[in-house]
């Protein structure tokens, strides 16, 4: 078992639900009858989405970079109601690490790494007691190789990937799963938030839809799978990133990301 069937009392926590993959995860779960707890900083967007999804959608405004705010979020939820968690919130930055704002890079780690670990650890015990539950942690194909120009972001996603797969194996036989979802280029607000423009200077045809990525993640949660990599191109990218010699790969990546600055 993994993500159990929905009930009138249960909920799936979805972080970063105000846009992109997070909003589509919430829509996909709600369409399957699940209650959802929508988490992000932008209350107006969350309330608009909750109104769209209906009475079983709850809003929880939270700055996930703030440990105290995360504690308040956790305290406000009844652990036995939480049957799933989608740790989707995250952002990136582009530029040479030595030139980037240090506080912003630390905030990136708090959201992309600390919040994933914190929320996963907070809700696992309740799922284990119930013998069912699913955590979906959104990584990226950036997890599979260092990326000069995106150094902190790629490292944060490498943590998410490694952490998720390891904990999934630790939970074997418990009825609870942790899935790493590793999308490639996706139509979201990521590029603009990272300061790289809408598509980061890349052709728009390379970008897939957030809805299809979310559907792949939800299906993996329902099945209790260890990982989900949507699309053949992304699976090929994963294999190439792991196999390519670093001495060849890193200079090429650096030259590409230099064009984004």
Protein backbone atom coordinates (compact mmCIF):
# COMPACT_ATOMS: atom_id res chain seq x y z
CA UNK A 1 0.00 0.00 0.00
CA UNK A 2 1.07 3.62 -0.43
CA UNK A 3 -1.28 6.60 -0.68
CA UNK A 4 -4.49 5.18 0.80
CA UNK A 5 -7.95 5.87 -0.63
CA UNK A 6 -9.41 9.25 0.30
CA UNK A 7 -11.80 9.76 3.21
CA UNK A 8 -13.83 12.71 4.43
CA UNK A 9 -11.25 13.36 7.16
CA UNK A 10 -7.93 12.77 5.45
CA UNK A 11 -5.77 15.34 3.68
CA UNK A 12 -2.66 15.52 1.51
CA UNK A 13 -0.34 18.44 2.25
CA UNK A 14 0.90 20.16 -0.92
CA UNK A 15 3.63 22.78 -0.58
CA UNK A 16 4.30 25.37 -3.26
CA UNK A 17 0.64 25.02 -4.21
CA UNK A 18 0.21 28.60 -5.43
CA UNK A 19 1.45 27.87 -8.96
CA UNK A 20 3.05 25.40 -11.36
CA UNK A 21 3.52 21.76 -10.41
CA UNK A 22 2.17 22.33 -6.90
CA UNK A 23 -1.15 23.72 -8.13
CA UNK A 24 -1.46 20.83 -10.60
CA UNK A 25 -0.69 18.29 -7.88
CA UNK A 26 -3.52 19.78 -5.82
CA UNK A 27 -5.90 19.67 -8.79
CA UNK A 28 -4.98 16.09 -9.63
CA UNK A 29 -5.42 14.90 -6.05
CA UNK A 30 -8.71 16.75 -5.63
CA UNK A 31 -10.03 15.24 -8.86
CA UNK A 32 -9.41 11.83 -7.30
CA UNK A 33 -11.42 12.75 -4.21
CA UNK A 34 -8.57 13.66 -1.85
CA UNK A 35 -8.73 16.54 0.57
CA UNK A 36 -5.76 18.84 0.16
CA UNK A 37 -3.99 21.32 2.42
CA UNK A 38 -2.55 24.04 0.21
CA UNK A 39 0.70 25.54 1.52
CA UNK A 40 2.57 28.58 0.18
CA UNK A 41 3.24 32.23 1.02
CA UNK A 42 0.78 33.81 -1.43
CA UNK A 43 -2.57 33.64 0.34
CA UNK A 44 -4.59 35.18 -2.50
CA UNK A 45 -3.52 32.47 -4.93
CA UNK A 46 -4.13 29.70 -2.40
CA UNK A 47 -7.64 30.93 -1.67
CA UNK A 48 -8.44 31.18 -5.37
CA UNK A 49 -7.27 27.59 -5.88
CA UNK A 50 -9.15 26.37 -2.80
CA UNK A 51 -12.34 27.97 -4.14
CA UNK A 52 -11.79 26.13 -7.42
CA UNK A 53 -11.19 22.77 -5.72
CA UNK A 54 -14.12 22.85 -3.31
CA UNK A 55 -14.85 22.33 0.38
CA UNK A 56 -12.14 19.74 1.03
CA UNK A 57 -9.34 22.16 0.13
CA UNK A 58 -7.77 23.97 3.07
CA UNK A 59 -5.37 26.93 3.02
CA UNK A 60 -2.25 27.15 5.20
CA UNK A 61 -0.11 30.22 4.55
CA UNK A 62 3.50 29.48 5.46
CA UNK A 63 6.99 30.73 4.66
CA UNK A 64 8.80 27.41 4.45
CA UNK A 65 12.19 29.10 4.84
CA UNK A 66 11.19 29.91 8.43
CA UNK A 67 11.61 26.98 10.84
CA UNK A 68 9.15 28.48 13.34
CA UNK A 69 6.55 28.90 10.60
CA UNK A 70 7.01 25.26 9.61
CA UNK A 71 6.53 24.20 13.23
CA UNK A 72 3.30 26.21 13.36
CA UNK A 73 2.12 24.56 10.14
CA UNK A 74 2.81 21.10 11.55
CA UNK A 75 1.15 21.93 14.88
CA UNK A 76 -1.96 23.14 13.09
CA UNK A 77 -2.52 19.79 11.37
CA UNK A 78 -3.76 16.63 13.06
CA UNK A 79 -1.11 14.01 12.20
CA UNK A 80 -3.66 11.23 11.83
CA UNK A 81 -5.42 13.21 9.08
CA UNK A 82 -2.30 13.54 6.91
CA UNK A 83 -2.11 10.57 4.55
CA UNK A 84 0.29 12.20 2.11
CA UNK A 85 2.77 15.03 1.70
CA UNK A 86 3.90 16.61 -1.56
CA UNK A 87 7.10 18.53 -0.86
CA UNK A 88 7.03 20.59 -4.03
CA UNK A 89 8.03 24.09 -2.88
CA UNK A 90 11.42 25.21 -4.07
CA UNK A 91 13.27 27.80 -6.09
CA UNK A 92 16.61 28.31 -7.80
CA UNK A 93 19.20 30.94 -8.55
CA UNK A 94 21.47 31.46 -11.52
CA UNK A 95 24.94 32.93 -11.50
CA UNK A 96 28.44 32.35 -10.24
CA UNK A 97 28.16 31.28 -6.60
CA UNK A 98 30.74 33.83 -5.41
CA UNK A 99 28.64 36.62 -6.94
CA UNK A 100 25.23 35.57 -5.62
CA UNK A 101 23.57 36.98 -2.52
CA UNK A 102 24.57 34.79 0.42
CA UNK A 103 21.29 35.21 2.30
CA UNK A 104 19.32 34.21 -0.79
CA UNK A 105 21.43 31.07 -1.21
CA UNK A 106 20.88 30.12 2.44
CA UNK A 107 17.15 30.68 1.99
CA UNK A 108 17.24 28.36 -1.02
CA UNK A 109 18.76 25.61 1.13
CA UNK A 110 16.16 26.18 3.85
CA UNK A 111 13.28 25.77 1.41
CA UNK A 112 14.67 23.13 -0.93
CA UNK A 113 16.41 20.98 1.70
CA UNK A 114 15.44 21.81 5.29
CA UNK A 115 11.71 22.07 4.64
CA UNK A 116 11.67 18.75 2.75
CA UNK A 117 13.44 16.98 5.61
CA UNK A 118 11.37 18.74 8.29
CA UNK A 119 7.94 17.98 6.83
CA UNK A 120 8.84 14.44 5.82
CA UNK A 121 10.04 13.67 9.34
CA UNK A 122 7.04 15.38 10.95
CA UNK A 123 4.37 13.34 9.19
CA UNK A 124 6.04 9.94 8.71
CA UNK A 125 5.27 8.66 12.25
CA UNK A 126 1.52 9.09 11.77
CA UNK A 127 1.64 7.30 8.43
CA UNK A 128 3.69 4.48 9.92
CA UNK A 129 1.18 4.10 12.75
CA UNK A 130 -1.59 3.82 10.15
CA UNK A 131 0.40 1.43 7.96
CA UNK A 132 -0.21 3.56 4.87
CA UNK A 133 0.84 6.89 3.44
CA UNK A 134 2.96 8.50 0.77
CA UNK A 135 5.47 11.32 0.54
CA UNK A 136 6.32 12.87 -2.82
CA UNK A 137 9.50 14.96 -2.90
CA UNK A 138 10.01 17.00 -6.05
CA UNK A 139 13.65 16.86 -7.16
CA UNK A 140 14.86 17.67 -10.69
CA UNK A 141 17.02 16.22 -13.43
CA UNK A 142 19.49 18.81 -12.08
CA UNK A 143 20.01 16.32 -9.23
CA UNK A 144 22.08 13.99 -11.38
CA UNK A 145 25.13 16.18 -12.02
CA UNK A 146 26.78 19.34 -10.68
CA UNK A 147 25.64 22.45 -12.56
CA UNK A 148 28.02 25.42 -12.64
CA UNK A 149 25.81 28.50 -12.66
CA UNK A 150 23.14 26.65 -10.67
CA UNK A 151 25.49 25.23 -8.04
CA UNK A 152 23.30 25.54 -4.95
CA UNK A 153 20.10 24.58 -6.72
CA UNK A 154 21.55 21.41 -8.27
CA UNK A 155 23.13 20.42 -4.96
CA UNK A 156 19.82 20.93 -3.15
CA UNK A 157 18.01 18.69 -5.61
CA UNK A 158 20.75 16.05 -5.34
CA UNK A 159 19.97 15.97 -1.62
CA UNK A 160 16.25 15.55 -2.29
CA UNK A 161 16.89 12.70 -4.73
CA UNK A 162 19.34 10.82 -2.49
CA UNK A 163 17.36 11.39 0.71
CA UNK A 164 14.07 10.27 -0.83
CA UNK A 165 15.41 7.06 -2.34
CA UNK A 166 17.22 6.11 0.87
CA UNK A 167 14.21 6.70 3.12
CA UNK A 168 11.95 4.84 0.68
CA UNK A 169 14.15 1.77 1.10
CA UNK A 170 14.19 2.17 4.88
CA UNK A 171 10.38 2.02 4.84
CA UNK A 172 10.14 -1.21 2.84
CA UNK A 173 7.32 -3.38 4.14
CA UNK A 174 5.67 -0.64 6.21
CA UNK A 175 2.97 0.40 3.73
CA UNK A 176 4.50 3.89 3.53
CA UNK A 177 6.50 5.17 0.56
CA UNK A 178 8.71 8.11 -0.31
CA UNK A 179 8.87 8.97 -4.01
CA UNK A 180 11.36 11.22 -5.74
CA UNK A 181 9.78 13.04 -8.69
CA UNK A 182 12.46 14.32 -11.08
CA UNK A 183 11.02 16.54 -13.80
CA UNK A 184 13.03 18.24 -16.48
CA UNK A 185 12.29 21.66 -17.99
CA UNK A 186 8.70 22.46 -17.03
CA UNK A 187 6.37 25.38 -17.72
CA UNK A 188 6.41 27.05 -14.28
CA UNK A 189 7.53 30.34 -12.72
CA UNK A 190 10.93 28.83 -11.88
CA UNK A 191 12.97 30.69 -14.52
CA UNK A 192 11.64 34.11 -13.61
CA UNK A 193 12.08 33.47 -9.88
CA UNK A 194 15.68 32.38 -10.52
CA UNK A 195 16.39 35.53 -12.49
CA UNK A 196 16.87 33.68 -15.77
CA UNK A 197 13.76 34.84 -17.62
CA UNK A 198 10.70 32.82 -18.58
CA UNK A 199 12.61 29.90 -20.15
CA UNK A 200 16.12 30.72 -19.00
CA UNK A 201 17.15 31.56 -22.56
CA UNK A 202 16.23 28.06 -23.76
CA UNK A 203 13.79 27.25 -26.59
CA UNK A 204 10.21 26.95 -25.39
CA UNK A 205 9.70 23.59 -27.12
CA UNK A 206 12.03 21.97 -24.57
CA UNK A 207 9.54 22.66 -21.77
CA UNK A 208 6.83 20.20 -20.75
CA UNK A 209 3.56 20.92 -19.00
CA UNK A 210 3.18 21.06 -15.24
CA UNK A 211 0.00 18.98 -15.39
CA UNK A 212 1.70 15.94 -16.93
CA UNK A 213 4.53 16.14 -14.38
CA UNK A 214 2.01 16.29 -11.54
CA UNK A 215 0.08 13.33 -12.93
CA UNK A 216 3.26 11.26 -13.06
CA UNK A 217 3.95 12.16 -9.42
CA UNK A 218 0.45 11.29 -8.22
CA UNK A 219 0.47 7.95 -10.04
CA UNK A 220 3.83 7.16 -8.41
CA UNK A 221 2.41 8.04 -4.97
CA UNK A 222 -0.60 5.80 -5.52
CA UNK A 223 1.66 2.94 -6.58
CA UNK A 224 4.23 3.53 -3.84
CA UNK A 225 7.11 3.80 -6.30
CA UNK A 226 10.62 4.93 -5.32
CA UNK A 227 11.04 7.36 -8.20
CA UNK A 228 9.28 8.90 -11.16
CA UNK A 229 11.08 10.52 -14.10
CA UNK A 230 8.49 11.86 -16.56
CA UNK A 231 9.46 11.62 -20.24
CA UNK A 232 12.02 9.68 -22.26
CA UNK A 233 14.18 12.77 -22.77
CA UNK A 234 14.45 13.30 -19.02
CA UNK A 235 15.39 9.66 -18.42
CA UNK A 236 18.07 9.97 -21.09
CA UNK A 237 19.32 13.17 -19.46
CA UNK A 238 19.53 11.39 -16.12
CA UNK A 239 21.61 8.58 -17.58
CA UNK A 240 23.85 11.02 -19.44
CA UNK A 241 24.38 13.17 -16.37
CA UNK A 242 25.45 10.16 -14.34
CA UNK A 243 27.68 8.65 -17.01
CA UNK A 244 29.39 11.64 -18.60
CA UNK A 245 32.94 12.37 -17.36
CA UNK A 246 32.92 15.46 -15.15
CA UNK A 247 35.98 16.83 -16.95
CA UNK A 248 33.89 16.95 -20.15
CA UNK A 249 30.49 17.82 -18.69
CA UNK A 250 31.28 20.69 -16.34
CA UNK A 251 32.95 23.07 -18.84
CA UNK A 252 30.07 22.56 -21.29
CA UNK A 253 27.48 23.31 -18.62
CA UNK A 254 29.44 26.37 -17.47
CA UNK A 255 29.51 27.78 -20.99
CA UNK A 256 25.75 27.27 -21.34
CA UNK A 257 24.87 28.88 -18.02
CA UNK A 258 27.26 31.80 -18.66
CA UNK A 259 24.84 32.86 -21.41
CA UNK A 260 22.02 33.22 -18.87
CA UNK A 261 23.79 35.85 -16.81
